Amino acid sequence: MISMSRKYGYIEMTVKTIIVLVTLLQIIVATQSEGIVKALAELSAFLILVSLLLLAKAKRRNQPNEEQVFEH
């Protein structure tokens, strides 16, 4: 049986993988397109990357650092 933290880690990794693949797909579309389609693909790829970075930052902020662990 998979523990809850392990299961959550697997789901989180799957979500990150999907986000990276979607970003790469948007970049490919942007290189193959012109005009408004290219602009929208570039914008969506940028916004997806920003969301991925914000998720990583939030996760890092929620994890206790070594000093906090040793204090308790």
PDB file of N, CA and C in Angstrom:
ATOM      1  N   MET A   1       0.840  -1.182   0.000  1.00  0.00           N
ATOM      2  CA  MET A   1       0.000   0.000   0.000  1.00  0.00           C
ATOM      3  C   MET A   1       0.881   1.241   0.000  1.00  0.00           C
ATOM      4  N   ILE A   2       0.539   2.212  -0.815  1.00  0.00           N
ATOM      5  CA  ILE A   2       1.321   3.439  -0.936  1.00  0.00           C
ATOM      6  C   ILE A   2       0.896   4.403   0.160  1.00  0.00           C
ATOM      7  N   SER A   3       1.891   4.965   0.856  1.00  0.00           N
ATOM      8  CA  SER A   3       1.566   5.930   1.897  1.00  0.00           C
ATOM      9  C   SER A   3       1.029   7.214   1.261  1.00  0.00           C
ATOM     10  N   MET A   4       0.334   8.013   2.056  1.00  0.00           N
ATOM     11  CA  MET A   4      -0.287   9.222   1.533  1.00  0.00           C
ATOM     12  C   MET A   4       0.756  10.204   1.013  1.00  0.00           C
ATOM     13  N   SER A   5       1.871  10.383   1.724  1.00  0.00           N
ATOM     14  CA  SER A   5       2.898  11.324   1.269  1.00  0.00           C
ATOM     15  C   SER A   5       3.551  10.847  -0.018  1.00  0.00           C
ATOM     16  N   ARG A   6       3.736   9.553  -0.151  1.00  0.00           N
ATOM     17  CA  ARG A   6       4.313   9.012  -1.378  1.00  0.00           C
ATOM     18  C   ARG A   6       3.366   9.181  -2.552  1.00  0.00           C
ATOM     19  N   LYS A   7       2.084   8.944  -2.291  1.00  0.00           N
ATOM     20  CA  LYS A   7       1.069   9.098  -3.329  1.00  0.00           C
ATOM     21  C   LYS A   7       0.993  10.556  -3.769  1.00  0.00           C
ATOM     22  N   TYR A   8       1.028  11.480  -2.823  1.00  0.00           N
ATOM     23  CA  TYR A   8       0.993  12.907  -3.141  1.00  0.00           C
ATOM     24  C   TYR A   8       2.218  13.299  -3.955  1.00  0.00           C
ATOM     25  N   GLY A   9       3.376  12.777  -3.607  1.00  0.00           N
ATOM     26  CA  GLY A   9       4.603  13.066  -4.352  1.00  0.00           C
ATOM     27  C   GLY A   9       4.517  12.580  -5.778  1.00  0.00           C
ATOM     28  N   TYR A  10       3.908  11.410  -5.983  1.00  0.00           N
ATOM     29  CA  TYR A  10       3.748  10.867  -7.327  1.00  0.00           C
ATOM     30  C   TYR A  10       2.811  11.739  -8.154  1.00  0.00           C
ATOM     31  N   ILE A  11       1.714  12.165  -7.561  1.00  0.00           N
ATOM     32  CA  ILE A  11       0.756  13.023  -8.261  1.00  0.00           C
ATOM     33  C   ILE A  11       1.398  14.369  -8.595  1.00  0.00           C
ATOM     34  N   GLU A  12       2.141  14.921  -7.647  1.00  0.00           N
ATOM     35  CA  GLU A  12       2.799  16.203  -7.865  1.00  0.00           C
ATOM     36  C   GLU A  12       3.814  16.108  -9.003  1.00  0.00           C
ATOM     37  N   MET A  13       4.563  15.021  -9.055  1.00  0.00           N
ATOM     38  CA  MET A  13       5.540  14.837 -10.122  1.00  0.00           C
ATOM     39  C   MET A  13       4.842  14.683 -11.470  1.00  0.00           C
ATOM     40  N   THR A  14       3.708  13.990 -11.499  1.00  0.00           N
ATOM     41  CA  THR A  14       2.953  13.824 -12.731  1.00  0.00           C
ATOM     42  C   THR A  14       2.431  15.168 -13.223  1.00  0.00           C
ATOM     43  N   VAL A  15       1.928  15.993 -12.323  1.00  0.00           N
ATOM     44  CA  VAL A  15       1.422  17.313 -12.694  1.00  0.00           C
ATOM     45  C   VAL A  15       2.548  18.169 -13.253  1.00  0.00           C
ATOM     46  N   LYS A  16       3.701  18.153 -12.617  1.00  0.00           N
ATOM     47  CA  LYS A  16       4.842  18.925 -13.105  1.00  0.00           C
ATOM     48  C   LYS A  16       5.279  18.446 -14.486  1.00  0.00           C
ATOM     49  N   THR A  17       5.281  17.137 -14.694  1.00  0.00           N
ATOM     50  CA  THR A  17       5.650  16.588 -15.999  1.00  0.00           C
ATOM     51  C   THR A  17       4.675  17.048 -17.067  1.00  0.00           C
ATOM     52  N   ILE A  18       3.397  17.028 -16.768  1.00  0.00           N
ATOM     53  CA  ILE A  18       2.385  17.483 -17.725  1.00  0.00           C
ATOM     54  C   ILE A  18       2.572  18.961 -18.031  1.00  0.00           C
ATOM     55  N   ILE A  19       2.849  19.772 -17.022  1.00  0.00           N
ATOM     56  CA  ILE A  19       3.052  21.204 -17.239  1.00  0.00           C
ATOM     57  C   ILE A  19       4.261  21.442 -18.134  1.00  0.00           C
ATOM     58  N   VAL A  20       5.344  20.724 -17.908  1.00  0.00           N
ATOM     59  CA  VAL A  20       6.538  20.877 -18.744  1.00  0.00           C
ATOM     60  C   VAL A  20       6.252  20.448 -20.183  1.00  0.00           C
ATOM     61  N   LEU A  21       5.536  19.347 -20.366  1.00  0.00           N
ATOM     62  CA  LEU A  21       5.209  18.891 -21.714  1.00  0.00           C
ATOM     63  C   LEU A  21       4.305  19.883 -22.442  1.00  0.00           C
ATOM     64  N   VAL A  22       3.330  20.443 -21.742  1.00  0.00           N
ATOM     65  CA  VAL A  22       2.444  21.444 -22.354  1.00  0.00           C
ATOM     66  C   VAL A  22       3.246  22.683 -22.748  1.00  0.00           C
ATOM     67  N   THR A  23       4.180  23.086 -21.900  1.00  0.00           N
ATOM     68  CA  THR A  23       5.022  24.244 -22.217  1.00  0.00           C
ATOM     69  C   THR A  23       5.846  23.982 -23.463  1.00  0.00           C
ATOM     70  N   LEU A  24       6.444  22.802 -23.546  1.00  0.00           N
ATOM     71  CA  LEU A  24       7.224  22.457 -24.746  1.00  0.00           C
ATOM     72  C   LEU A  24       6.346  22.435 -25.987  1.00  0.00           C
ATOM     73  N   LEU A  25       5.143  21.926 -25.865  1.00  0.00           N
ATOM     74  CA  LEU A  25       4.210  21.915 -26.984  1.00  0.00           C
ATOM     75  C   LEU A  25       3.874  23.338 -27.430  1.00  0.00           C
ATOM     76  N   GLN A  26       3.673  24.237 -26.482  1.00  0.00           N
ATOM     77  CA  GLN A  26       3.379  25.625 -26.826  1.00  0.00           C
ATOM     78  C   GLN A  26       4.570  26.285 -27.526  1.00  0.00           C
ATOM     79  N   ILE A  27       5.773  25.964 -27.101  1.00  0.00           N
ATOM     80  CA  ILE A  27       6.969  26.515 -27.745  1.00  0.00           C
ATOM     81  C   ILE A  27       7.082  25.985 -29.174  1.00  0.00           C
ATOM     82  N   ILE A  28       6.778  24.720 -29.382  1.00  0.00           N
ATOM     83  CA  ILE A  28       6.811  24.142 -30.731  1.00  0.00           C
ATOM     84  C   ILE A  28       5.778  24.824 -31.620  1.00  0.00           C
ATOM     85  N   VAL A  29       4.575  25.025 -31.090  1.00  0.00           N
ATOM     86  CA  VAL A  29       3.531  25.719 -31.853  1.00  0.00           C
ATOM     87  C   VAL A  29       3.985  27.133 -32.193  1.00  0.00           C
ATOM     88  N   ALA A  30       4.627  27.808 -31.246  1.00  0.00           N
ATOM     89  CA  ALA A  30       5.083  29.180 -31.481  1.00  0.00           C
ATOM     90  C   ALA A  30       6.146  29.239 -32.575  1.00  0.00           C
ATOM     91  N   THR A  31       7.002  28.239 -32.660  1.00  0.00           N
ATOM     92  CA  THR A  31       8.047  28.263 -33.687  1.00  0.00           C
ATOM     93  C   THR A  31       7.499  27.920 -35.065  1.00  0.00           C
ATOM     94  N   GLN A  32       6.354  27.242 -35.111  1.00  0.00           N
ATOM     95  CA  GLN A  32       5.785  26.825 -36.393  1.00  0.00           C
ATOM     96  C   GLN A  32       4.668  27.747 -36.891  1.00  0.00           C
ATOM     97  N   SER A  33       4.311  28.765 -36.112  1.00  0.00           N
ATOM     98  CA  SER A  33       3.163  29.607 -36.441  1.00  0.00           C
ATOM     99  C   SER A  33       3.591  31.047 -36.689  1.00  0.00           C
ATOM    100  N   GLU A  34       2.625  31.833 -37.145  1.00  0.00           N
ATOM    101  CA  GLU A  34       2.844  33.261 -37.346  1.00  0.00           C
ATOM    102  C   GLU A  34       1.654  34.037 -36.805  1.00  0.00           C
ATOM    103  N   GLY A  35       1.856  35.311 -36.575  1.00  0.00           N
ATOM    104  CA  GLY A  35       0.766  36.197 -36.195  1.00  0.00           C
ATOM    105  C   GLY A  35       0.219  35.948 -34.810  1.00  0.00           C
ATOM    106  N   ILE A  36      -1.114  36.015 -34.720  1.00  0.00           N
ATOM    107  CA  ILE A  36      -1.792  35.927 -33.424  1.00  0.00           C
ATOM    108  C   ILE A  36      -1.614  34.555 -32.781  1.00  0.00           C
ATOM    109  N   VAL A  37      -1.561  33.511 -33.581  1.00  0.00           N
ATOM    110  CA  VAL A  37      -1.376  32.159 -33.035  1.00  0.00           C
ATOM    111  C   VAL A  37      -0.013  32.063 -32.353  1.00  0.00           C
ATOM    112  N   LYS A  38       1.014  32.621 -32.990  1.00  0.00           N
ATOM    113  CA  LYS A  38       2.354  32.603 -32.401  1.00  0.00           C
ATOM    114  C   LYS A  38       2.381  33.407 -31.098  1.00  0.00           C
ATOM    115  N   ALA A  39       1.751  34.580 -31.122  1.00  0.00           N
ATOM    116  CA  ALA A  39       1.737  35.426 -29.927  1.00  0.00           C
ATOM    117  C   ALA A  39       1.015  34.741 -28.773  1.00  0.00           C
ATOM    118  N   LEU A  40      -0.114  34.103 -29.060  1.00  0.00           N
ATOM    119  CA  LEU A  40      -0.857  33.407 -27.999  1.00  0.00           C
ATOM    120  C   LEU A  40      -0.091  32.192 -27.477  1.00  0.00           C
ATOM    121  N   ALA A  41       0.590  31.477 -28.357  1.00  0.00           N
ATOM    122  CA  ALA A  41       1.385  30.325 -27.916  1.00  0.00           C
ATOM    123  C   ALA A  41       2.535  30.776 -27.029  1.00  0.00           C
ATOM    124  N   GLU A  42       3.195  31.860 -27.397  1.00  0.00           N
ATOM    125  CA  GLU A  42       4.294  32.377 -26.573  1.00  0.00           C
ATOM    126  C   GLU A  42       3.773  32.860 -25.217  1.00  0.00           C
ATOM    127  N   LEU A  43       2.648  33.556 -25.227  1.00  0.00           N
ATOM    128  CA  LEU A  43       2.071  34.036 -23.973  1.00  0.00           C
ATOM    129  C   LEU A  43       1.671  32.886 -23.065  1.00  0.00           C
ATOM    130  N   SER A  44       1.017  31.879 -23.618  1.00  0.00           N
ATOM    131  CA  SER A  44       0.597  30.751 -22.778  1.00  0.00           C
ATOM    132  C   SER A  44       1.801  29.969 -22.254  1.00  0.00           C
ATOM    133  N   ALA A  45       2.848  29.800 -23.067  1.00  0.00           N
ATOM    134  CA  ALA A  45       4.052  29.112 -22.588  1.00  0.00           C
ATOM    135  C   ALA A  45       4.685  29.894 -21.436  1.00  0.00           C
ATOM    136  N   PHE A  46       4.736  31.211 -21.570  1.00  0.00           N
ATOM    137  CA  PHE A  46       5.293  32.039 -20.508  1.00  0.00           C
ATOM    138  C   PHE A  46       4.471  31.923 -19.224  1.00  0.00           C
ATOM    139  N   LEU A  47       3.151  32.002 -19.337  1.00  0.00           N
ATOM    140  CA  LEU A  47       2.290  31.911 -18.155  1.00  0.00           C
ATOM    141  C   LEU A  47       2.377  30.535 -17.494  1.00  0.00           C
ATOM    142  N   ILE A  48       2.504  29.493 -18.286  1.00  0.00           N
ATOM    143  CA  ILE A  48       2.647  28.143 -17.732  1.00  0.00           C
ATOM    144  C   ILE A  48       3.957  28.029 -16.963  1.00  0.00           C
ATOM    145  N   LEU A  49       5.038  28.578 -17.514  1.00  0.00           N
ATOM    146  CA  LEU A  49       6.321  28.539 -16.803  1.00  0.00           C
ATOM    147  C   LEU A  49       6.271  29.334 -15.502  1.00  0.00           C
ATOM    148  N   VAL A  50       5.614  30.476 -15.524  1.00  0.00           N
ATOM    149  CA  VAL A  50       5.477  31.279 -14.302  1.00  0.00           C
ATOM    150  C   VAL A  50       4.712  30.489 -13.245  1.00  0.00           C
ATOM    151  N   SER A  51       3.645  29.809 -13.656  1.00  0.00           N
ATOM    152  CA  SER A  51       2.873  29.022 -12.687  1.00  0.00           C
ATOM    153  C   SER A  51       3.711  27.881 -12.113  1.00  0.00           C
ATOM    154  N   LEU A  52       4.530  27.258 -12.941  1.00  0.00           N
ATOM    155  CA  LEU A  52       5.409  26.187 -12.453  1.00  0.00           C
ATOM    156  C   LEU A  52       6.411  26.726 -11.448  1.00  0.00           C
ATOM    157  N   LEU A  53       6.979  27.884 -11.722  1.00  0.00           N
ATOM    158  CA  LEU A  53       7.926  28.494 -10.783  1.00  0.00           C
ATOM    159  C   LEU A  53       7.247  28.886  -9.475  1.00  0.00           C
ATOM    160  N   LEU A  54       6.022  29.398  -9.556  1.00  0.00           N
ATOM    161  CA  LEU A  54       5.298  29.755  -8.334  1.00  0.00           C
ATOM    162  C   LEU A  54       4.964  28.524  -7.498  1.00  0.00           C
ATOM    163  N   LEU A  55       4.626  27.409  -8.171  1.00  0.00           N
ATOM    164  CA  LEU A  55       4.378  26.165  -7.434  1.00  0.00           C
ATOM    165  C   LEU A  55       5.642  25.693  -6.718  1.00  0.00           C
ATOM    166  N   ALA A  56       6.772  25.771  -7.403  1.00  0.00           N
ATOM    167  CA  ALA A  56       8.036  25.348  -6.794  1.00  0.00           C
ATOM    168  C   ALA A  56       8.398  26.248  -5.617  1.00  0.00           C
ATOM    169  N   LYS A  57       8.165  27.553  -5.770  1.00  0.00           N
ATOM    170  CA  LYS A  57       8.469  28.485  -4.687  1.00  0.00           C
ATOM    171  C   LYS A  57       7.577  28.226  -3.479  1.00  0.00           C
ATOM    172  N   ALA A  58       6.300  27.974  -3.718  1.00  0.00           N
ATOM    173  CA  ALA A  58       5.379  27.696  -2.612  1.00  0.00           C
ATOM    174  C   ALA A  58       5.755  26.407  -1.896  1.00  0.00           C
ATOM    175  N   LYS A  59       6.161  25.404  -2.649  1.00  0.00           N
ATOM    176  CA  LYS A  59       6.564  24.140  -2.030  1.00  0.00           C
ATOM    177  C   LYS A  59       7.803  24.337  -1.173  1.00  0.00           C
ATOM    178  N   ARG A  60       8.784  25.085  -1.688  1.00  0.00           N
ATOM    179  CA  ARG A  60      10.013  25.331  -0.939  1.00  0.00           C
ATOM    180  C   ARG A  60       9.728  26.122   0.322  1.00  0.00           C
ATOM    181  N   ARG A  61       8.780  27.050   0.254  1.00  0.00           N
ATOM    182  CA  ARG A  61       8.440  27.869   1.414  1.00  0.00           C
ATOM    183  C   ARG A  61       7.735  27.038   2.488  1.00  0.00           C
ATOM    184  N   ASN A  62       6.977  26.020   2.087  1.00  0.00           N
ATOM    185  CA  ASN A  62       6.234  25.190   3.034  1.00  0.00           C
ATOM    186  C   ASN A  62       7.103  24.131   3.698  1.00  0.00           C
ATOM    187  N   GLN A  63       8.238  23.800   3.115  1.00  0.00           N
ATOM    188  CA  GLN A  63       9.111  22.795   3.711  1.00  0.00           C
ATOM    189  C   GLN A  63       9.941  23.430   4.817  1.00  0.00           C
ATOM    190  N   PRO A  64      10.009  22.791   5.980  1.00  0.00           N
ATOM    191  CA  PRO A  64      10.828  23.351   7.053  1.00  0.00           C
ATOM    192  C   PRO A  64      12.311  23.198   6.719  1.00  0.00           C
ATOM    193  N   ASN A  65      13.089  24.211   7.084  1.00  0.00           N
ATOM    194  CA  ASN A  65      14.522  24.089   6.849  1.00  0.00           C
ATOM    195  C   ASN A  65      15.164  23.307   7.996  1.00  0.00           C
ATOM    196  N   GLU A  66      16.456  23.031   7.888  1.00  0.00           N
ATOM    197  CA  GLU A  66      17.139  22.193   8.879  1.00  0.00           C
ATOM    198  C   GLU A  66      17.123  22.808  10.264  1.00  0.00           C
ATOM    199  N   GLU A  67      17.239  24.115  10.371  1.00  0.00           N
ATOM    200  CA  GLU A  67      17.250  24.771  11.677  1.00  0.00           C
ATOM    201  C   GLU A  67      15.920  24.578  12.395  1.00  0.00           C
ATOM    202  N   GLN A  68      14.806  24.684  11.676  1.00  0.00           N
ATOM    203  CA  GLN A  68      13.503  24.507  12.292  1.00  0.00           C
ATOM    204  C   GLN A  68      13.306  23.071  12.763  1.00  0.00           C
ATOM    205  N   VAL A  69      13.821  22.105  12.016  1.00  0.00           N
ATOM    206  CA  VAL A  69      13.674  20.701  12.386  1.00  0.00           C
ATOM    207  C   VAL A  69      14.442  20.410  13.663  1.00  0.00           C
ATOM    208  N   PHE A  70      15.656  20.968  13.806  1.00  0.00           N
ATOM    209  CA  PHE A  70      16.470  20.685  14.988  1.00  0.00           C
ATOM    210  C   PHE A  70      15.997  21.425  16.223  1.00  0.00           C
ATOM    211  N   GLU A  71      15.253  22.522  16.060  1.00  0.00           N
ATOM    212  CA  GLU A  71      14.754  23.258  17.204  1.00  0.00           C
ATOM    213  C   GLU A  71      13.690  22.495  17.959  1.00  0.00           C
ATOM    214  N   HIS A  72      12.912  21.651  17.260  1.00  0.00           N
ATOM    215  CA  HIS A  72      11.803  20.958  17.892  1.00  0.00           C
ATOM    216  C   HIS A  72      12.250  19.637  18.358  1.00  0.00           C
TER     217      HIS A  72
END
